[in-house]
Amino acid sequence: MKVAVVAHPNSKRPRVEKDLLGTLHVYVKSPPLEGKANGEIIDALSDYFQVKKSQVELVSGQKSKAKLFEIS
């Protein structure tokens, strides 16, 4: 399953929210440096979908706020 995500790094309160269009907004505490925010987004998505971290893969958007993840 492919999931569109909008990343919000440097957030005070980490959370995952779904908007009306079905896009997930993931708020993480980490800054967008050296992939720290991407790693924390993977952690948040694995908790949200109740899968292992190894089952969540970043497909596109490595350096963008708009990201696409593959969840197997």
PDB file of N, CA and C in Angstrom:
ATOM      1  N   MET A   1       0.848  -1.164   0.000  1.00  0.00           N
ATOM      2  CA  MET A   1       0.000   0.000   0.000  1.00  0.00           C
ATOM      3  C   MET A   1       0.897   1.230   0.000  1.00  0.00           C
ATOM      4  N   LYS A   2       0.582   2.194  -0.860  1.00  0.00           N
ATOM      5  CA  LYS A   2       1.339   3.442  -0.916  1.00  0.00           C
ATOM      6  C   LYS A   2       0.583   4.507  -0.143  1.00  0.00           C
ATOM      7  N   VAL A   3       1.336   5.296   0.626  1.00  0.00           N
ATOM      8  CA  VAL A   3       0.741   6.301   1.488  1.00  0.00           C
ATOM      9  C   VAL A   3       1.406   7.642   1.218  1.00  0.00           C
ATOM     10  N   ALA A   4       0.595   8.667   0.938  1.00  0.00           N
ATOM     11  CA  ALA A   4       1.107  10.025   0.777  1.00  0.00           C
ATOM     12  C   ALA A   4       1.193  10.677   2.155  1.00  0.00           C
ATOM     13  N   VAL A   5       2.328  11.297   2.427  1.00  0.00           N
ATOM     14  CA  VAL A   5       2.586  11.883   3.741  1.00  0.00           C
ATOM     15  C   VAL A   5       3.103  13.300   3.565  1.00  0.00           C
ATOM     16  N   VAL A   6       2.640  14.201   4.428  1.00  0.00           N
ATOM     17  CA  VAL A   6       3.205  15.542   4.517  1.00  0.00           C
ATOM     18  C   VAL A   6       3.954  15.604   5.833  1.00  0.00           C
ATOM     19  N   ALA A   7       5.253  15.897   5.761  1.00  0.00           N
ATOM     20  CA  ALA A   7       6.106  15.915   6.944  1.00  0.00           C
ATOM     21  C   ALA A   7       6.094  17.300   7.586  1.00  0.00           C
ATOM     22  N   HIS A   8       6.062  17.304   8.918  1.00  0.00           N
ATOM     23  CA  HIS A   8       6.142  18.536   9.689  1.00  0.00           C
ATOM     24  C   HIS A   8       7.237  18.359  10.739  1.00  0.00           C
ATOM     25  N   PRO A   9       8.501  18.637  10.376  1.00  0.00           N
ATOM     26  CA  PRO A   9       9.592  18.486  11.348  1.00  0.00           C
ATOM     27  C   PRO A   9       9.584  19.626  12.367  1.00  0.00           C
ATOM     28  N   ASN A  10      10.362  19.463  13.439  1.00  0.00           N
ATOM     29  CA  ASN A  10      10.497  20.457  14.509  1.00  0.00           C
ATOM     30  C   ASN A  10       9.167  20.772  15.184  1.00  0.00           C
ATOM     31  N   SER A  11       8.315  19.791  15.320  1.00  0.00           N
ATOM     32  CA  SER A  11       7.020  19.976  15.966  1.00  0.00           C
ATOM     33  C   SER A  11       7.159  19.769  17.465  1.00  0.00           C
ATOM     34  N   LYS A  12       6.370  20.497  18.230  1.00  0.00           N
ATOM     35  CA  LYS A  12       6.429  20.345  19.690  1.00  0.00           C
ATOM     36  C   LYS A  12       5.752  19.073  20.158  1.00  0.00           C
ATOM     37  N   ARG A  13       4.678  18.670  19.458  1.00  0.00           N
ATOM     38  CA  ARG A  13       3.918  17.492  19.872  1.00  0.00           C
ATOM     39  C   ARG A  13       3.854  16.501  18.718  1.00  0.00           C
ATOM     40  N   PRO A  14       4.610  15.395  18.801  1.00  0.00           N
ATOM     41  CA  PRO A  14       4.581  14.405  17.707  1.00  0.00           C
ATOM     42  C   PRO A  14       3.216  13.723  17.611  1.00  0.00           C
ATOM     43  N   ARG A  15       2.732  13.607  16.373  1.00  0.00           N
ATOM     44  CA  ARG A  15       1.435  12.963  16.158  1.00  0.00           C
ATOM     45  C   ARG A  15       1.256  12.657  14.677  1.00  0.00           C
ATOM     46  N   VAL A  16       0.252  11.837  14.385  1.00  0.00           N
ATOM     47  CA  VAL A  16      -0.122  11.519  13.006  1.00  0.00           C
ATOM     48  C   VAL A  16      -1.590  11.889  12.858  1.00  0.00           C
ATOM     49  N   GLU A  17      -1.888  12.720  11.866  1.00  0.00           N
ATOM     50  CA  GLU A  17      -3.264  13.148  11.619  1.00  0.00           C
ATOM     51  C   GLU A  17      -3.617  12.894  10.156  1.00  0.00           C
ATOM     52  N   LYS A  18      -4.872  12.610   9.908  1.00  0.00           N
ATOM     53  CA  LYS A  18      -5.355  12.371   8.550  1.00  0.00           C
ATOM     54  C   LYS A  18      -6.274  13.526   8.159  1.00  0.00           C
ATOM     55  N   ASP A  19      -6.048  14.126   6.973  1.00  0.00           N
ATOM     56  CA  ASP A  19      -6.916  15.216   6.541  1.00  0.00           C
ATOM     57  C   ASP A  19      -8.103  14.675   5.740  1.00  0.00           C
ATOM     58  N   LEU A  20      -8.927  15.566   5.251  1.00  0.00           N
ATOM     59  CA  LEU A  20     -10.146  15.164   4.556  1.00  0.00           C
ATOM     60  C   LEU A  20      -9.878  14.449   3.233  1.00  0.00           C
ATOM     61  N   LEU A  21      -8.723  14.694   2.631  1.00  0.00           N
ATOM     62  CA  LEU A  21      -8.385  14.059   1.359  1.00  0.00           C
ATOM     63  C   LEU A  21      -7.696  12.716   1.531  1.00  0.00           C
ATOM     64  N   GLY A  22      -7.428  12.323   2.770  1.00  0.00           N
ATOM     65  CA  GLY A  22      -6.784  11.045   3.036  1.00  0.00           C
ATOM     66  C   GLY A  22      -5.276  11.119   3.169  1.00  0.00           C
ATOM     67  N   THR A  23      -4.720  12.314   3.082  1.00  0.00           N
ATOM     68  CA  THR A  23      -3.277  12.481   3.235  1.00  0.00           C
ATOM     69  C   THR A  23      -2.927  12.494   4.715  1.00  0.00           C
ATOM     70  N   LEU A  24      -1.870  11.785   5.063  1.00  0.00           N
ATOM     71  CA  LEU A  24      -1.420  11.770   6.448  1.00  0.00           C
ATOM     72  C   LEU A  24      -0.451  12.919   6.692  1.00  0.00           C
ATOM     73  N   HIS A  25      -0.640  13.617   7.787  1.00  0.00           N
ATOM     74  CA  HIS A  25       0.279  14.656   8.226  1.00  0.00           C
ATOM     75  C   HIS A  25       0.996  14.105   9.453  1.00  0.00           C
ATOM     76  N   VAL A  26       2.320  13.980   9.337  1.00  0.00           N
ATOM     77  CA  VAL A  26       3.115  13.402  10.418  1.00  0.00           C
ATOM     78  C   VAL A  26       3.966  14.508  11.024  1.00  0.00           C
ATOM     79  N   TYR A  27       3.743  14.776  12.307  1.00  0.00           N
ATOM     80  CA  TYR A  27       4.476  15.788  13.050  1.00  0.00           C
ATOM     81  C   TYR A  27       5.532  15.084  13.894  1.00  0.00           C
ATOM     82  N   VAL A  28       6.801  15.484  13.731  1.00  0.00           N
ATOM     83  CA  VAL A  28       7.899  14.864  14.471  1.00  0.00           C
ATOM     84  C   VAL A  28       8.751  15.947  15.124  1.00  0.00           C
ATOM     85  N   LYS A  29       9.442  15.571  16.188  1.00  0.00           N
ATOM     86  CA  LYS A  29      10.284  16.518  16.915  1.00  0.00           C
ATOM     87  C   LYS A  29      11.623  16.771  16.238  1.00  0.00           C
ATOM     88  N   SER A  30      12.121  15.811  15.487  1.00  0.00           N
ATOM     89  CA  SER A  30      13.458  15.898  14.902  1.00  0.00           C
ATOM     90  C   SER A  30      13.535  16.966  13.811  1.00  0.00           C
ATOM     91  N   PRO A  31      14.721  17.577  13.664  1.00  0.00           N
ATOM     92  CA  PRO A  31      14.922  18.520  12.562  1.00  0.00           C
ATOM     93  C   PRO A  31      15.156  17.765  11.257  1.00  0.00           C
ATOM     94  N   PRO A  32      14.945  18.433  10.137  1.00  0.00           N
ATOM     95  CA  PRO A  32      15.125  17.753   8.843  1.00  0.00           C
ATOM     96  C   PRO A  32      16.595  17.708   8.413  1.00  0.00           C
ATOM     97  N   LEU A  33      17.457  17.221   9.270  1.00  0.00           N
ATOM     98  CA  LEU A  33      18.886  17.138   8.980  1.00  0.00           C
ATOM     99  C   LEU A  33      19.346  15.695   9.006  1.00  0.00           C
ATOM    100  N   GLU A  34      20.128  15.306   8.001  1.00  0.00           N
ATOM    101  CA  GLU A  34      20.760  13.990   7.931  1.00  0.00           C
ATOM    102  C   GLU A  34      19.775  12.827   8.052  1.00  0.00           C
ATOM    103  N   GLY A  35      18.551  13.025   7.603  1.00  0.00           N
ATOM    104  CA  GLY A  35      17.565  11.947   7.613  1.00  0.00           C
ATOM    105  C   GLY A  35      16.954  11.641   8.967  1.00  0.00           C
ATOM    106  N   LYS A  36      17.188  12.494   9.959  1.00  0.00           N
ATOM    107  CA  LYS A  36      16.636  12.234  11.297  1.00  0.00           C
ATOM    108  C   LYS A  36      15.116  12.289  11.290  1.00  0.00           C
ATOM    109  N   ALA A  37      14.551  13.284  10.613  1.00  0.00           N
ATOM    110  CA  ALA A  37      13.093  13.402  10.558  1.00  0.00           C
ATOM    111  C   ALA A  37      12.484  12.233   9.790  1.00  0.00           C
ATOM    112  N   ASN A  38      13.132  11.802   8.703  1.00  0.00           N
ATOM    113  CA  ASN A  38      12.614  10.665   7.931  1.00  0.00           C
ATOM    114  C   ASN A  38      12.590   9.403   8.781  1.00  0.00           C
ATOM    115  N   GLY A  39      13.621   9.185   9.577  1.00  0.00           N
ATOM    116  CA  GLY A  39      13.653   8.021  10.461  1.00  0.00           C
ATOM    117  C   GLY A  39      12.548   8.063  11.497  1.00  0.00           C
ATOM    118  N   GLU A  40      12.298   9.245  12.031  1.00  0.00           N
ATOM    119  CA  GLU A  40      11.233   9.378  13.025  1.00  0.00           C
ATOM    120  C   GLU A  40       9.852   9.238  12.382  1.00  0.00           C
ATOM    121  N   ILE A  41       9.709   9.660  11.131  1.00  0.00           N
ATOM    122  CA  ILE A  41       8.440   9.474  10.409  1.00  0.00           C
ATOM    123  C   ILE A  41       8.194   7.993  10.172  1.00  0.00           C
ATOM    124  N   ILE A  42       9.233   7.253   9.841  1.00  0.00           N
ATOM    125  CA  ILE A  42       9.097   5.801   9.666  1.00  0.00           C
ATOM    126  C   ILE A  42       8.655   5.156  10.972  1.00  0.00           C
ATOM    127  N   ASP A  43       9.224   5.593  12.086  1.00  0.00           N
ATOM    128  CA  ASP A  43       8.802   5.080  13.401  1.00  0.00           C
ATOM    129  C   ASP A  43       7.329   5.378  13.663  1.00  0.00           C
ATOM    130  N   ALA A  44       6.909   6.614  13.366  1.00  0.00           N
ATOM    131  CA  ALA A  44       5.522   7.011  13.610  1.00  0.00           C
ATOM    132  C   ALA A  44       4.553   6.231  12.727  1.00  0.00           C
ATOM    133  N   LEU A  45       4.922   6.030  11.461  1.00  0.00           N
ATOM    134  CA  LEU A  45       4.044   5.281  10.560  1.00  0.00           C
ATOM    135  C   LEU A  45       3.957   3.814  10.939  1.00  0.00           C
ATOM    136  N   SER A  46       5.059   3.242  11.420  1.00  0.00           N
ATOM    137  CA  SER A  46       5.005   1.841  11.838  1.00  0.00           C
ATOM    138  C   SER A  46       4.099   1.673  13.054  1.00  0.00           C
ATOM    139  N   ASP A  47       4.096   2.658  13.956  1.00  0.00           N
ATOM    140  CA  ASP A  47       3.172   2.611  15.093  1.00  0.00           C
ATOM    141  C   ASP A  47       1.731   2.825  14.639  1.00  0.00           C
ATOM    142  N   TYR A  48       1.521   3.752  13.718  1.00  0.00           N
ATOM    143  CA  TYR A  48       0.178   4.086  13.243  1.00  0.00           C
ATOM    144  C   TYR A  48      -0.483   2.906  12.532  1.00  0.00           C
ATOM    145  N   PHE A  49       0.288   2.220  11.668  1.00  0.00           N
ATOM    146  CA  PHE A  49      -0.247   1.093  10.915  1.00  0.00           C
ATOM    147  C   PHE A  49      -0.003  -0.250  11.600  1.00  0.00           C
ATOM    148  N   GLN A  50       0.660  -0.233  12.743  1.00  0.00           N
ATOM    149  CA  GLN A  50       0.950  -1.435  13.540  1.00  0.00           C
ATOM    150  C   GLN A  50       1.677  -2.491  12.718  1.00  0.00           C
ATOM    151  N   VAL A  51       2.778  -2.060  12.091  1.00  0.00           N
ATOM    152  CA  VAL A  51       3.659  -2.949  11.343  1.00  0.00           C
ATOM    153  C   VAL A  51       5.087  -2.734  11.832  1.00  0.00           C
ATOM    154  N   LYS A  52       5.989  -3.605  11.397  1.00  0.00           N
ATOM    155  CA  LYS A  52       7.393  -3.456  11.756  1.00  0.00           C
ATOM    156  C   LYS A  52       8.006  -2.292  10.979  1.00  0.00           C
ATOM    157  N   LYS A  53       9.041  -1.698  11.569  1.00  0.00           N
ATOM    158  CA  LYS A  53       9.717  -0.576  10.915  1.00  0.00           C
ATOM    159  C   LYS A  53      10.306  -0.988   9.571  1.00  0.00           C
ATOM    160  N   SER A  54      10.722  -2.237   9.454  1.00  0.00           N
ATOM    161  CA  SER A  54      11.318  -2.719   8.204  1.00  0.00           C
ATOM    162  C   SER A  54      10.286  -2.826   7.081  1.00  0.00           C
ATOM    163  N   GLN A  55       8.998  -2.765   7.407  1.00  0.00           N
ATOM    164  CA  GLN A  55       7.949  -2.846   6.401  1.00  0.00           C
ATOM    165  C   GLN A  55       7.555  -1.472   5.850  1.00  0.00           C
ATOM    166  N   VAL A  56       8.137  -0.413   6.390  1.00  0.00           N
ATOM    167  CA  VAL A  56       7.856   0.946   5.938  1.00  0.00           C
ATOM    168  C   VAL A  56       9.074   1.446   5.167  1.00  0.00           C
ATOM    169  N   GLU A  57       8.858   1.809   3.898  1.00  0.00           N
ATOM    170  CA  GLU A  57       9.969   2.230   3.036  1.00  0.00           C
ATOM    171  C   GLU A  57       9.642   3.569   2.382  1.00  0.00           C
ATOM    172  N   LEU A  58      10.597   4.494   2.416  1.00  0.00           N
ATOM    173  CA  LEU A  58      10.455   5.782   1.763  1.00  0.00           C
ATOM    174  C   LEU A  58      10.707   5.609   0.266  1.00  0.00           C
ATOM    175  N   VAL A  59       9.675   5.892  -0.543  1.00  0.00           N
ATOM    176  CA  VAL A  59       9.776   5.704  -1.986  1.00  0.00           C
ATOM    177  C   VAL A  59      10.270   6.980  -2.662  1.00  0.00           C
ATOM    178  N   SER A  60       9.671   8.121  -2.298  1.00  0.00           N
ATOM    179  CA  SER A  60      10.093   9.388  -2.891  1.00  0.00           C
ATOM    180  C   SER A  60       9.904  10.511  -1.884  1.00  0.00           C
ATOM    181  N   GLY A  61      10.633  11.610  -2.112  1.00  0.00           N
ATOM    182  CA  GLY A  61      10.522  12.764  -1.234  1.00  0.00           C
ATOM    183  C   GLY A  61      11.545  12.790  -0.121  1.00  0.00           C
ATOM    184  N   GLN A  62      12.745  12.304  -0.399  1.00  0.00           N
ATOM    185  CA  GLN A  62      13.802  12.249   0.616  1.00  0.00           C
ATOM    186  C   GLN A  62      14.055  13.622   1.238  1.00  0.00           C
ATOM    187  N   LYS A  63      14.057  14.683   0.426  1.00  0.00           N
ATOM    188  CA  LYS A  63      14.362  16.024   0.918  1.00  0.00           C
ATOM    189  C   LYS A  63      13.180  16.977   0.761  1.00  0.00           C
ATOM    190  N   SER A  64      11.986  16.437   0.707  1.00  0.00           N
ATOM    191  CA  SER A  64      10.788  17.232   0.497  1.00  0.00           C
ATOM    192  C   SER A  64       9.813  17.024   1.649  1.00  0.00           C
ATOM    193  N   LYS A  65       8.888  17.970   1.828  1.00  0.00           N
ATOM    194  CA  LYS A  65       7.852  17.781   2.839  1.00  0.00           C
ATOM    195  C   LYS A  65       6.815  16.769   2.380  1.00  0.00           C
ATOM    196  N   ALA A  66       6.573  16.719   1.081  1.00  0.00           N
ATOM    197  CA  ALA A  66       5.629  15.756   0.509  1.00  0.00           C
ATOM    198  C   ALA A  66       6.385  14.463   0.221  1.00  0.00           C
ATOM    199  N   LYS A  67       5.993  13.392   0.874  1.00  0.00           N
ATOM    200  CA  LYS A  67       6.701  12.120   0.766  1.00  0.00           C
ATOM    201  C   LYS A  67       5.735  11.010   0.373  1.00  0.00           C
ATOM    202  N   LEU A  68       6.278   9.959  -0.188  1.00  0.00           N
ATOM    203  CA  LEU A  68       5.507   8.779  -0.539  1.00  0.00           C
ATOM    204  C   LEU A  68       6.162   7.566   0.097  1.00  0.00           C
ATOM    205  N   PHE A  69       5.394   6.827   0.877  1.00  0.00           N
ATOM    206  CA  PHE A  69       5.887   5.655   1.563  1.00  0.00           C
ATOM    207  C   PHE A  69       5.183   4.409   1.059  1.00  0.00           C
ATOM    208  N   GLU A  70       5.918   3.314   1.014  1.00  0.00           N
ATOM    209  CA  GLU A  70       5.371   1.982   0.681  1.00  0.00           C
ATOM    210  C   GLU A  70       5.302   1.188   1.968  1.00  0.00           C
ATOM    211  N   ILE A  71       4.117   0.686   2.304  1.00  0.00           N
ATOM    212  CA  ILE A  71       3.933  -0.119   3.498  1.00  0.00           C
ATOM    213  C   ILE A  71       3.534  -1.512   3.060  1.00  0.00           C
ATOM    214  N   SER A  72       4.375  -2.484   3.437  1.00  0.00           N
ATOM    215  CA  SER A  72       4.106  -3.871   3.007  1.00  0.00           C
ATOM    216  C   SER A  72       3.596  -4.711   4.144  1.00  0.00           C
TER     217      SER A  72
END
